[in-house]
């Protein structure tokens, strides 16, 4: 019998034209890969139905199964197992599923190649089915319970490759699949591949929903919320976190309820610099305090509450929360708390103590590999040194990031915020650099940093016009003409504890705005 090789694309296009389905040549080529019988039968079915059929025509199904049977039962068994692995597969994986030596499977794969059911995979070191139709027929004509069992075994074999394992677990165990996709997303997030993490978590949420497991769905949504926050998509993050909170509350999931409240608070906190209204909202404050009061609150909820209080000028309340965090046993929480305490001291004009605390936090961050707190520590230490008149020390601390391995070149989350803060600090030491800050702030749509740049360039009326609608006295005090700045400072001072007001009004870092 004469075996014909694959039909060239031009020949398939001509056949499609003759069958009157020229527009379907692409899908037929992709599915049949030039196999003569499969191409002709696919085109005939398309001509009769007006499109490439979703189901394989009976004539093709019978032809594939006949060819597989002729290759022998052992070869057919290998092929049916291989269909579970994928269109392309490594022989070692198939051998593991069959519990046979690799050399035995290699002989059978050679027989399958002779029967034109397999070819060598040009993209790897394994094999590939001759075309998608062969794999589809052999997969669909295998008993479903057998397929599910093989998928589950394969998922267990691929436990160290969670994304690959998830795809196989999904064939029969949605909960396991969701967990595997979440694990794969966590790996992506650790590498700052937040788009990949979001994609994987889309699948995790869908799988958890299919599983009907509210705790798993809430956890997957919280993970996706974190990825979305890192990407700056705050509305989508809020939607996931609010749904997680509803699920946790409805099903009595205390730990997840506390986590959802905390994430909602952090999202509100992070989003403030990206919105026209940069001041924290009452909802954000409420979420932070509810997160702290939750029965299963994590220590990081105290960090959130402290940052909220700090942002609003409640320095005494913030200091109390930071002190509590510093007593936590978790090193990462302690180190982050130390970072934020140093920033608080810098804002409270305790520059020498701030420099001391921040230098400690820089070393702790570098030892623990905490990148984001390291950024904050370096920037705040730069400010503390500059306010002490130690410009050399300020430049040294700003350069610490480069000496730590050039981590600013990494594709980390919140990069846009880091770039803005870096440019803002540079403009403090070099006022003409505010032009660069202004351009960057416009690129990212940040009202806050546009206003700061305009003020440093002597364009205070424009700066004030930008921030007036935000209601942020802190920003108004920094960019407005003296009289309006003084009024904003007075309003901030009125919210401080009475014992802190005189020092704040005399030597606070905002007081310079009225001189």
Protein backbone atom coordinates (compact mmCIF):
# COMPACT_ATOMS: atom_id res chain seq x y z
CA UNK A 1 0.00 0.00 0.00
CA UNK A 2 1.37 3.43 -0.96
CA UNK A 3 1.47 5.92 1.94
CA UNK A 4 1.04 9.54 0.96
CA UNK A 5 2.97 12.21 2.80
CA UNK A 6 1.34 15.33 4.28
CA UNK A 7 -0.46 17.51 1.77
CA UNK A 8 1.18 20.91 1.29
CA UNK A 9 -0.80 23.96 2.36
CA UNK A 10 -1.41 24.96 -1.26
CA UNK A 11 -2.98 21.58 -1.99
CA UNK A 12 -5.23 21.82 1.06
CA UNK A 13 -6.27 25.33 0.00
CA UNK A 14 -7.17 24.04 -3.48
CA UNK A 15 -9.21 21.17 -2.03
CA UNK A 16 -11.01 23.59 0.28
CA UNK A 17 -11.83 25.80 -2.71
CA UNK A 18 -13.26 22.84 -4.61
CA UNK A 19 -15.38 21.81 -1.63
CA UNK A 20 -16.65 25.41 -1.43
CA UNK A 21 -15.19 26.08 2.03
CA UNK A 22 -12.07 28.10 1.15
CA UNK A 23 -12.46 30.20 4.30
CA UNK A 24 -12.00 27.12 6.50
CA UNK A 25 -8.60 26.06 5.18
CA UNK A 26 -6.81 27.37 8.29
CA UNK A 27 -8.72 25.30 10.89
CA UNK A 28 -8.51 22.19 8.70
CA UNK A 29 -4.75 22.58 8.25
CA UNK A 30 -4.30 23.04 11.99
CA UNK A 31 -6.37 20.01 12.88
CA UNK A 32 -5.42 17.49 10.18
CA UNK A 33 -1.85 18.73 9.47
CA UNK A 34 -2.03 17.67 5.84
CA UNK A 35 -3.02 14.03 6.37
CA UNK A 36 -4.79 13.14 3.14
CA UNK A 37 -7.73 11.11 4.48
CA UNK A 38 -8.27 13.38 7.47
CA UNK A 39 -8.07 16.51 5.33
CA UNK A 40 -10.55 15.25 2.74
CA UNK A 41 -13.02 13.96 5.32
CA UNK A 42 -12.79 17.19 7.35
CA UNK A 43 -13.40 19.28 4.24
CA UNK A 44 -16.32 17.07 3.21
CA UNK A 45 -17.89 17.39 6.67
CA UNK A 46 -17.30 21.14 6.61
CA UNK A 47 -18.95 21.45 3.21
CA UNK A 48 -21.98 19.54 4.44
CA UNK A 49 -22.28 21.45 7.71
CA UNK A 50 -20.98 24.88 6.72
CA UNK A 51 -18.09 24.77 9.21
CA UNK A 52 -15.40 22.47 10.56
CA UNK A 53 -17.38 20.12 12.83
CA UNK A 54 -16.70 20.19 16.56
CA UNK A 55 -17.12 16.43 16.73
CA UNK A 56 -14.93 14.13 14.65
CA UNK A 57 -16.90 12.59 11.75
CA UNK A 58 -17.63 8.89 12.18
CA UNK A 59 -15.57 8.00 9.10
CA UNK A 60 -12.47 9.63 10.61
CA UNK A 61 -13.08 8.13 14.03
CA UNK A 62 -13.29 4.66 12.56
CA UNK A 63 -10.18 5.21 10.43
CA UNK A 64 -8.07 6.33 13.42
CA UNK A 65 -9.17 3.46 15.64
CA UNK A 66 -8.58 0.93 12.86
CA UNK A 67 -5.05 2.23 12.31
CA UNK A 68 -4.32 2.10 16.07
CA UNK A 69 -5.64 -1.47 16.37
CA UNK A 70 -3.53 -2.61 13.43
CA UNK A 71 -0.43 -1.35 15.25
CA UNK A 72 -1.11 -3.88 18.01
CA UNK A 73 -2.68 -3.75 21.49
CA UNK A 74 0.56 -2.73 23.21
CA UNK A 75 1.09 0.21 20.85
CA UNK A 76 -2.56 1.21 21.16
CA UNK A 77 -2.26 1.18 24.97
CA UNK A 78 0.80 3.44 24.79
CA UNK A 79 -1.02 5.85 22.48
CA UNK A 80 -4.11 6.05 24.68
CA UNK A 81 -1.98 6.82 27.75
CA UNK A 82 -0.01 9.40 25.78
CA UNK A 83 -3.23 11.23 24.80
CA UNK A 84 -3.67 12.12 28.48
CA UNK A 85 -0.20 13.70 28.63
CA UNK A 86 -0.73 16.00 25.66
CA UNK A 87 -0.28 16.51 21.92
CA UNK A 88 3.49 16.31 22.55
CA UNK A 89 4.95 14.19 25.34
CA UNK A 90 8.12 12.88 26.93
CA UNK A 91 8.47 9.11 26.79
CA UNK A 92 9.62 8.98 30.44
CA UNK A 93 6.27 10.38 31.59
CA UNK A 94 4.28 7.86 29.54
CA UNK A 95 6.52 5.04 30.79
CA UNK A 96 5.84 6.16 34.34
CA UNK A 97 2.08 6.04 33.81
CA UNK A 98 2.33 2.60 32.17
CA UNK A 99 4.79 1.42 34.84
CA UNK A 100 7.05 0.05 32.12
CA UNK A 101 10.77 0.51 31.33
CA UNK A 102 11.50 3.42 29.04
CA UNK A 103 13.23 1.22 26.46
CA UNK A 104 10.10 -0.94 26.15
CA UNK A 105 8.01 2.17 25.56
CA UNK A 106 10.59 3.42 23.07
CA UNK A 107 10.15 0.28 20.93
CA UNK A 108 6.39 0.73 20.97
CA UNK A 109 6.72 4.42 20.09
CA UNK A 110 8.86 3.37 17.12
CA UNK A 111 6.07 1.05 15.96
CA UNK A 112 3.57 3.93 16.33
CA UNK A 113 5.81 6.10 14.15
CA UNK A 114 5.93 3.34 11.52
CA UNK A 115 2.12 3.33 11.59
CA UNK A 116 2.18 7.11 11.04
CA UNK A 117 0.44 7.78 14.35
CA UNK A 118 3.40 9.52 15.99
CA UNK A 119 6.25 11.73 14.78
CA UNK A 120 9.30 13.11 16.51
CA UNK A 121 8.61 16.37 18.31
CA UNK A 122 10.80 18.97 16.60
CA UNK A 123 10.39 21.36 19.55
CA UNK A 124 11.64 18.88 22.15
CA UNK A 125 13.20 15.49 22.80
CA UNK A 126 9.94 13.54 22.81
CA UNK A 127 7.15 12.57 20.44
CA UNK A 128 4.06 14.22 19.01
CA UNK A 129 0.85 12.83 17.56
CA UNK A 130 0.72 12.99 13.79
CA UNK A 131 -2.16 15.43 14.06
CA UNK A 132 -4.77 16.63 16.53
CA UNK A 133 -7.43 14.34 15.13
CA UNK A 134 -5.48 11.21 16.05
CA UNK A 135 -5.06 12.33 19.62
CA UNK A 136 -8.64 13.57 19.94
CA UNK A 137 -10.16 10.31 18.67
CA UNK A 138 -8.01 8.07 20.86
CA UNK A 139 -8.62 10.30 23.89
CA UNK A 140 -12.40 10.52 23.42
CA UNK A 141 -12.79 6.79 22.73
CA UNK A 142 -10.96 5.83 25.94
CA UNK A 143 -13.30 5.21 28.93
CA UNK A 144 -13.80 8.41 30.93
CA UNK A 145 -13.05 6.81 34.35
CA UNK A 146 -9.76 5.55 32.93
CA UNK A 147 -8.89 9.02 31.61
CA UNK A 148 -9.71 10.65 34.95
CA UNK A 149 -7.57 8.16 36.86
CA UNK A 150 -4.64 8.77 34.52
CA UNK A 151 -5.01 12.54 34.82
CA UNK A 152 -4.98 12.26 38.61
CA UNK A 153 -1.88 10.07 38.59
CA UNK A 154 -0.18 12.47 36.20
CA UNK A 155 -1.07 15.45 38.42
CA UNK A 156 0.61 13.67 41.35
CA UNK A 157 3.68 12.92 39.23
CA UNK A 158 3.94 16.63 38.29
CA UNK A 159 3.56 17.98 41.82
CA UNK A 160 6.80 19.94 41.43
CA UNK A 161 5.36 21.65 38.33
CA UNK A 162 2.08 23.04 39.69
CA UNK A 163 0.83 24.71 36.50
CA UNK A 164 1.19 21.48 34.52
CA UNK A 165 -0.31 19.47 37.39
CA UNK A 166 -3.33 21.78 37.57
CA UNK A 167 -4.34 21.14 33.99
CA UNK A 168 -4.46 17.39 34.64
CA UNK A 169 -6.17 17.68 38.03
CA UNK A 170 -8.92 19.73 36.36
CA UNK A 171 -9.95 16.67 34.40
CA UNK A 172 -11.47 15.12 37.50
CA UNK A 173 -10.72 17.09 40.66
CA UNK A 174 -11.51 20.81 40.59
CA UNK A 175 -10.34 21.43 44.14
CA UNK A 176 -6.92 19.92 43.50
CA UNK A 177 -6.68 21.86 40.26
CA UNK A 178 -7.47 25.14 42.03
CA UNK A 179 -4.78 24.46 44.62
CA UNK A 180 -2.23 23.66 41.93
CA UNK A 181 -3.03 26.83 39.98
CA UNK A 182 -2.71 28.87 43.18
CA UNK A 183 0.70 27.30 43.85
CA UNK A 184 1.80 28.09 40.29
CA UNK A 185 0.57 31.67 40.70
CA UNK A 186 2.54 32.03 43.93
CA UNK A 187 5.71 31.00 42.06
CA UNK A 188 4.95 33.59 39.38
CA UNK A 189 4.31 36.30 41.98
CA UNK A 190 7.62 35.57 43.71
CA UNK A 191 9.30 36.22 40.35
CA UNK A 192 7.25 39.46 40.01
CA UNK A 193 5.46 37.96 36.98
CA UNK A 194 2.14 39.43 38.07
CA UNK A 195 0.41 39.08 34.69
CA UNK A 196 1.17 35.37 34.73
CA UNK A 197 -0.04 35.17 38.33
CA UNK A 198 -3.31 36.86 37.36
CA UNK A 199 -3.82 34.42 34.46
CA UNK A 200 -3.21 31.40 36.68
CA UNK A 201 -5.48 32.74 39.39
CA UNK A 202 -8.28 33.29 36.87
CA UNK A 203 -8.18 29.54 36.39
CA UNK A 204 -7.89 28.90 40.13
CA UNK A 205 -11.00 30.98 40.87
CA UNK A 206 -12.97 29.22 38.13
CA UNK A 207 -11.87 25.79 39.40
CA UNK A 208 -12.69 26.65 43.02
CA UNK A 209 -16.13 27.82 41.94
CA UNK A 210 -16.69 24.56 40.05
CA UNK A 211 -15.60 22.65 43.15
CA UNK A 212 -18.28 24.43 45.19
CA UNK A 213 -15.78 25.12 47.98
CA UNK A 214 -16.37 28.60 49.47
CA UNK A 215 -13.15 28.60 51.50
CA UNK A 216 -11.09 27.68 48.45
CA UNK A 217 -12.84 30.26 46.29
CA UNK A 218 -12.31 32.98 48.91
CA UNK A 219 -8.61 32.10 49.18
CA UNK A 220 -8.19 32.12 45.39
CA UNK A 221 -9.93 35.48 45.13
CA UNK A 222 -7.70 36.95 47.82
CA UNK A 223 -4.62 35.73 45.96
CA UNK A 224 -5.93 37.23 42.73
CA UNK A 225 -6.72 40.45 44.57
CA UNK A 226 -3.08 40.75 45.61
CA UNK A 227 -1.92 40.19 42.04
CA UNK A 228 -4.35 42.84 40.79
CA UNK A 229 -3.15 45.34 43.39
CA UNK A 230 0.43 44.73 42.25
CA UNK A 231 -0.75 45.48 38.70
CA UNK A 232 -2.49 48.68 39.84
CA UNK A 233 -6.01 47.42 38.98
CA UNK A 234 -7.59 48.51 42.26
CA UNK A 235 -11.30 48.28 41.25
CA UNK A 236 -10.87 44.65 40.15
CA UNK A 237 -8.90 43.90 43.33
CA UNK A 238 -11.67 45.41 45.46
CA UNK A 239 -14.27 43.26 43.66
CA UNK A 240 -12.36 40.05 44.41
CA UNK A 241 -11.64 41.00 48.01
CA UNK A 242 -15.23 42.04 48.69
CA UNK A 243 -16.53 38.75 47.28
CA UNK A 244 -13.99 36.87 49.42
CA UNK A 245 -15.23 38.79 52.46
CA UNK A 246 -18.86 37.90 51.65
CA UNK A 247 -17.97 34.22 51.29
CA UNK A 248 -15.94 34.19 54.50
CA UNK A 249 -18.64 35.97 56.51
CA UNK A 250 -21.45 33.77 55.15
CA UNK A 251 -19.62 30.54 55.96
CA UNK A 252 -18.01 31.48 59.28
CA UNK A 253 -14.45 31.44 57.91
CA UNK A 254 -12.82 33.67 60.53
CA UNK A 255 -9.26 33.51 59.24
CA UNK A 256 -10.30 34.34 55.69
CA UNK A 257 -12.63 37.09 56.92
CA UNK A 258 -9.71 38.74 58.75
CA UNK A 259 -7.49 38.36 55.68
CA UNK A 260 -10.14 39.87 53.40
CA UNK A 261 -10.64 42.88 55.68
CA UNK A 262 -6.89 43.45 55.80
CA UNK A 263 -6.47 43.15 52.03
CA UNK A 264 -9.34 45.57 51.42
CA UNK A 265 -7.66 48.03 53.75
CA UNK A 266 -4.28 47.69 52.04
CA UNK A 267 -5.91 48.13 48.64
CA UNK A 268 -7.55 51.34 49.83
CA UNK A 269 -4.20 52.48 51.20
CA UNK A 270 -2.20 51.70 48.06
CA UNK A 271 -4.80 53.20 45.73
CA UNK A 272 -4.63 56.63 47.34
CA UNK A 273 -1.62 57.74 45.26
CA UNK A 274 -3.23 56.65 42.02
CA UNK A 275 -6.52 58.47 42.44
CA UNK A 276 -7.42 62.15 42.20
CA UNK A 277 -8.45 62.03 45.86
CA UNK A 278 -5.20 61.01 47.53
CA UNK A 279 -6.53 61.30 51.08
CA UNK A 280 -7.66 58.12 52.77
CA UNK A 281 -11.41 57.57 52.80
CA UNK A 282 -13.54 56.81 55.87
CA UNK A 283 -14.12 53.35 54.37
CA UNK A 284 -10.36 52.71 54.31
CA UNK A 285 -10.01 53.73 57.96
CA UNK A 286 -12.94 51.54 58.96
CA UNK A 287 -11.52 48.54 57.12
CA UNK A 288 -8.15 48.93 58.83
CA UNK A 289 -9.64 49.05 62.31
CA UNK A 290 -12.01 46.15 61.56
CA UNK A 291 -9.03 44.14 60.32
CA UNK A 292 -7.21 44.69 63.62
CA UNK A 293 -10.30 43.78 65.64
CA UNK A 294 -11.08 40.60 63.66
CA UNK A 295 -10.90 37.40 65.78
CA UNK A 296 -8.21 35.80 63.59
CA UNK A 297 -6.35 39.00 62.69
CA UNK A 298 -2.77 38.54 61.48
CA UNK A 299 0.05 40.72 62.87
CA UNK A 300 0.23 42.49 59.53
CA UNK A 301 -3.19 44.00 60.30
CA UNK A 302 -1.41 46.11 62.93
CA UNK A 303 0.95 47.32 60.22
CA UNK A 304 -2.05 48.36 58.14
CA UNK A 305 -3.68 50.22 61.03
CA UNK A 306 -0.39 51.92 61.86
CA UNK A 307 0.09 53.06 58.26
CA UNK A 308 -3.47 54.39 58.13
CA UNK A 309 -3.02 56.32 61.37
CA UNK A 310 0.32 57.62 60.21
CA UNK A 311 -1.12 58.78 56.89
CA UNK A 312 -3.82 60.73 58.74
CA UNK A 313 -1.43 62.41 61.17
CA UNK A 314 -2.26 60.26 64.22
CA UNK A 315 1.41 59.76 65.00
CA UNK A 316 0.85 58.65 68.59
CA UNK A 317 -1.66 55.99 67.50
CA UNK A 318 0.64 54.87 64.73
CA UNK A 319 3.60 54.60 67.10
CA UNK A 320 1.57 52.48 69.50
CA UNK A 321 0.69 50.05 66.71
CA UNK A 322 4.26 49.92 65.40
CA UNK A 323 5.58 49.16 68.89
CA UNK A 324 3.15 46.24 69.12
CA UNK A 325 4.33 44.91 65.73
CA UNK A 326 7.97 45.05 66.80
CA UNK A 327 7.14 42.51 69.52
CA UNK A 328 5.89 39.94 66.99
CA UNK A 329 7.99 36.78 66.53
CA UNK A 330 7.80 36.79 62.72
CA UNK A 331 11.04 38.36 61.38
CA UNK A 332 9.46 39.69 58.19
CA UNK A 333 6.70 41.45 60.14
CA UNK A 334 9.23 42.87 62.60
CA UNK A 335 11.47 44.13 59.83
CA UNK A 336 8.60 45.76 57.94
CA UNK A 337 7.42 47.35 61.17
CA UNK A 338 10.90 48.72 61.76
CA UNK A 339 10.87 50.23 58.27
CA UNK A 340 7.56 51.98 58.79
CA UNK A 341 8.59 53.16 62.26
CA UNK A 342 11.64 54.80 60.74
CA UNK A 343 9.43 56.54 58.19
CA UNK A 344 7.15 57.72 61.01
CA UNK A 345 10.10 59.16 62.91
CA UNK A 346 11.27 60.97 59.78
CA UNK A 347 7.83 62.51 59.32
CA UNK A 348 7.78 63.46 63.03
CA UNK A 349 11.02 65.40 62.43
CA UNK A 350 13.03 63.12 64.70
CA UNK A 351 15.63 62.90 62.00
CA UNK A 352 18.58 61.51 63.96
CA UNK A 353 16.52 58.69 65.48
CA UNK A 354 14.89 58.06 62.10
CA UNK A 355 18.29 57.65 60.48
CA UNK A 356 19.37 55.20 63.19
CA UNK A 357 16.19 53.10 62.94
CA UNK A 358 16.18 53.14 59.16
CA UNK A 359 19.80 52.06 58.92
CA UNK A 360 18.86 49.08 61.12
CA UNK A 361 15.88 48.30 58.91
CA UNK A 362 18.01 48.51 55.75
CA UNK A 363 20.37 45.86 57.09
CA UNK A 364 17.46 43.71 58.29
CA UNK A 365 15.70 43.98 54.90
CA UNK A 366 18.85 43.02 53.03
CA UNK A 367 19.41 40.03 55.33
CA UNK A 368 15.81 38.85 54.97
CA UNK A 369 15.53 39.58 51.25
CA UNK A 370 12.59 41.96 51.74
CA UNK A 371 12.70 44.12 48.64
CA UNK A 372 9.76 46.50 49.02
CA UNK A 373 10.53 47.44 52.66
CA UNK A 374 14.13 47.93 51.53
CA UNK A 375 12.98 50.52 49.00
CA UNK A 376 11.00 52.39 51.64
CA UNK A 377 13.88 52.24 54.12
CA UNK A 378 16.40 53.60 51.63
CA UNK A 379 14.13 56.43 50.51
CA UNK A 380 13.15 57.42 54.06
CA UNK A 381 16.77 57.26 55.23
CA UNK A 382 17.69 59.52 52.31
CA UNK A 383 15.12 62.06 53.50
CA UNK A 384 16.28 61.84 57.12
CA UNK A 385 19.89 62.47 56.11
CA UNK A 386 18.90 65.35 53.84
CA UNK A 387 16.88 66.96 56.64
CA UNK A 388 19.92 66.66 58.92
CA UNK A 389 22.03 68.41 56.30
CA UNK A 390 23.94 65.21 55.64
CA UNK A 391 23.70 65.30 51.84
CA UNK A 392 26.58 62.89 51.40
CA UNK A 393 24.79 60.38 53.63
CA UNK A 394 21.58 60.95 51.67
CA UNK A 395 23.27 60.10 48.39
CA UNK A 396 24.97 57.06 49.94
CA UNK A 397 21.67 55.63 51.15
CA UNK A 398 19.90 56.33 47.88
CA UNK A 399 22.66 54.39 46.13
CA UNK A 400 22.28 51.39 48.42
CA UNK A 401 19.75 49.84 46.05
CA UNK A 402 22.25 49.79 43.22
CA UNK A 403 24.87 48.27 45.50
CA UNK A 404 22.28 45.63 46.46
CA UNK A 405 22.25 44.25 42.94
CA UNK A 406 20.44 46.79 40.83
CA UNK A 407 17.05 45.58 42.01
CA UNK A 408 15.27 48.58 40.53
CA UNK A 409 15.75 46.87 37.16
CA UNK A 410 13.65 43.92 38.26
CA UNK A 411 10.03 43.64 37.05
CA UNK A 412 8.54 44.05 40.54
CA UNK A 413 5.01 45.07 41.48
CA UNK A 414 4.23 48.73 42.27
CA UNK A 415 7.17 49.71 40.10
CA UNK A 416 5.34 52.86 38.97
CA UNK A 417 5.11 54.06 42.58
CA UNK A 418 8.78 53.37 43.21
CA UNK A 419 9.77 55.30 40.08
CA UNK A 420 7.67 58.26 41.17
CA UNK A 421 9.10 58.31 44.68
CA UNK A 422 12.63 57.97 43.38
CA UNK A 423 12.07 60.93 41.03
CA UNK A 424 10.44 62.95 43.82
CA UNK A 425 13.37 62.44 46.17
CA UNK A 426 15.81 63.32 43.41
CA UNK A 427 13.93 66.57 42.81
CA UNK A 428 14.33 67.49 46.49
CA UNK A 429 18.10 67.30 46.18
CA UNK A 430 18.16 68.68 42.63
CA UNK A 431 15.13 71.03 42.04
CA UNK A 432 15.53 71.21 38.21
CA UNK A 433 14.95 67.44 38.19
CA UNK A 434 11.31 68.25 38.95
CA UNK A 435 10.76 68.51 35.17
CA UNK A 436 11.45 64.78 34.93
CA UNK A 437 9.15 64.11 37.88
CA UNK A 438 6.37 66.09 36.20
CA UNK A 439 6.68 64.10 32.97
CA UNK A 440 6.70 60.79 34.83
CA UNK A 441 3.72 61.79 37.00
CA UNK A 442 1.72 62.70 33.91
CA UNK A 443 2.59 59.36 32.34
CA UNK A 444 1.22 57.49 35.35
CA UNK A 445 -1.67 59.89 35.95
CA UNK A 446 -0.58 60.74 39.51
CA UNK A 447 -2.16 64.00 40.70
CA UNK A 448 -0.04 64.03 43.85
CA UNK A 449 3.33 63.89 42.13
CA UNK A 450 2.30 66.26 39.37
CA UNK A 451 1.42 68.83 42.03
CA UNK A 452 4.69 68.33 43.91
CA UNK A 453 6.65 68.74 40.68
CA UNK A 454 4.78 71.93 39.71
CA UNK A 455 5.34 73.43 43.15
CA UNK A 456 9.08 72.77 42.94
CA UNK A 457 9.13 74.41 39.55
CA UNK A 458 7.54 77.54 41.03
CA UNK A 459 4.11 76.92 39.49
CA UNK A 460 2.12 76.81 42.73
CA UNK A 461 -1.25 78.05 41.38
CA UNK A 462 -1.29 75.16 38.90
CA UNK A 463 -0.24 72.75 41.64
CA UNK A 464 -3.00 73.99 43.95
CA UNK A 465 -5.60 73.67 41.21
CA UNK A 466 -4.65 70.00 40.82
CA UNK A 467 -4.91 69.06 44.50
CA UNK A 468 -7.76 71.31 45.62
CA UNK A 469 -10.39 68.76 44.65
CA UNK A 470 -8.60 65.98 46.55
CA UNK A 471 -9.29 67.49 49.95
CA UNK A 472 -5.81 66.49 51.10
CA UNK A 473 -4.54 69.11 53.55
CA UNK A 474 -1.16 67.36 53.53
CA UNK A 475 -0.74 68.03 49.81
CA UNK A 476 -2.23 71.51 49.98
CA UNK A 477 0.27 72.43 52.68
CA UNK A 478 3.13 71.37 50.42
CA UNK A 479 2.09 73.08 47.20
CA UNK A 480 -0.20 76.03 48.04
CA UNK A 481 0.82 79.68 48.50
CA UNK A 482 1.74 80.51 52.14
CA UNK A 483 -1.68 81.64 53.44
CA UNK A 484 -3.52 78.61 52.11
CA UNK A 485 -0.70 76.30 53.16
CA UNK A 486 -0.87 77.70 56.69
CA UNK A 487 -4.60 77.06 56.90
CA UNK A 488 -4.08 73.45 55.80
CA UNK A 489 -1.32 72.97 58.40
CA UNK A 490 -3.60 74.33 61.12
CA UNK A 491 -6.26 71.80 60.17
CA UNK A 492 -3.73 68.97 60.34
CA UNK A 493 -2.43 70.20 63.69
CA UNK A 494 -5.94 70.29 65.11
CA UNK A 495 -6.19 66.54 64.53
CA UNK A 496 -2.96 65.81 66.44
CA UNK A 497 -2.74 65.05 70.17
CA UNK A 498 -2.46 68.35 72.07
CA UNK A 499 1.06 67.62 73.31
CA UNK A 500 2.39 67.23 69.76
CA UNK A 501 0.87 70.35 68.22
CA UNK A 502 3.39 73.01 69.37
CA UNK A 503 6.43 71.08 68.12
CA UNK A 504 4.65 70.25 64.87
CA UNK A 505 3.78 73.89 64.22
CA UNK A 506 7.26 75.15 65.11
CA UNK A 507 9.52 72.59 63.47
CA UNK A 508 7.33 70.19 61.53
CA UNK A 509 8.52 69.52 58.01
CA UNK A 510 5.37 71.19 56.65
CA UNK A 511 6.03 74.37 58.58
CA UNK A 512 8.63 75.42 56.00
CA UNK A 513 5.81 75.80 53.47
CA UNK A 514 4.62 78.97 55.23
CA UNK A 515 8.02 80.69 55.46
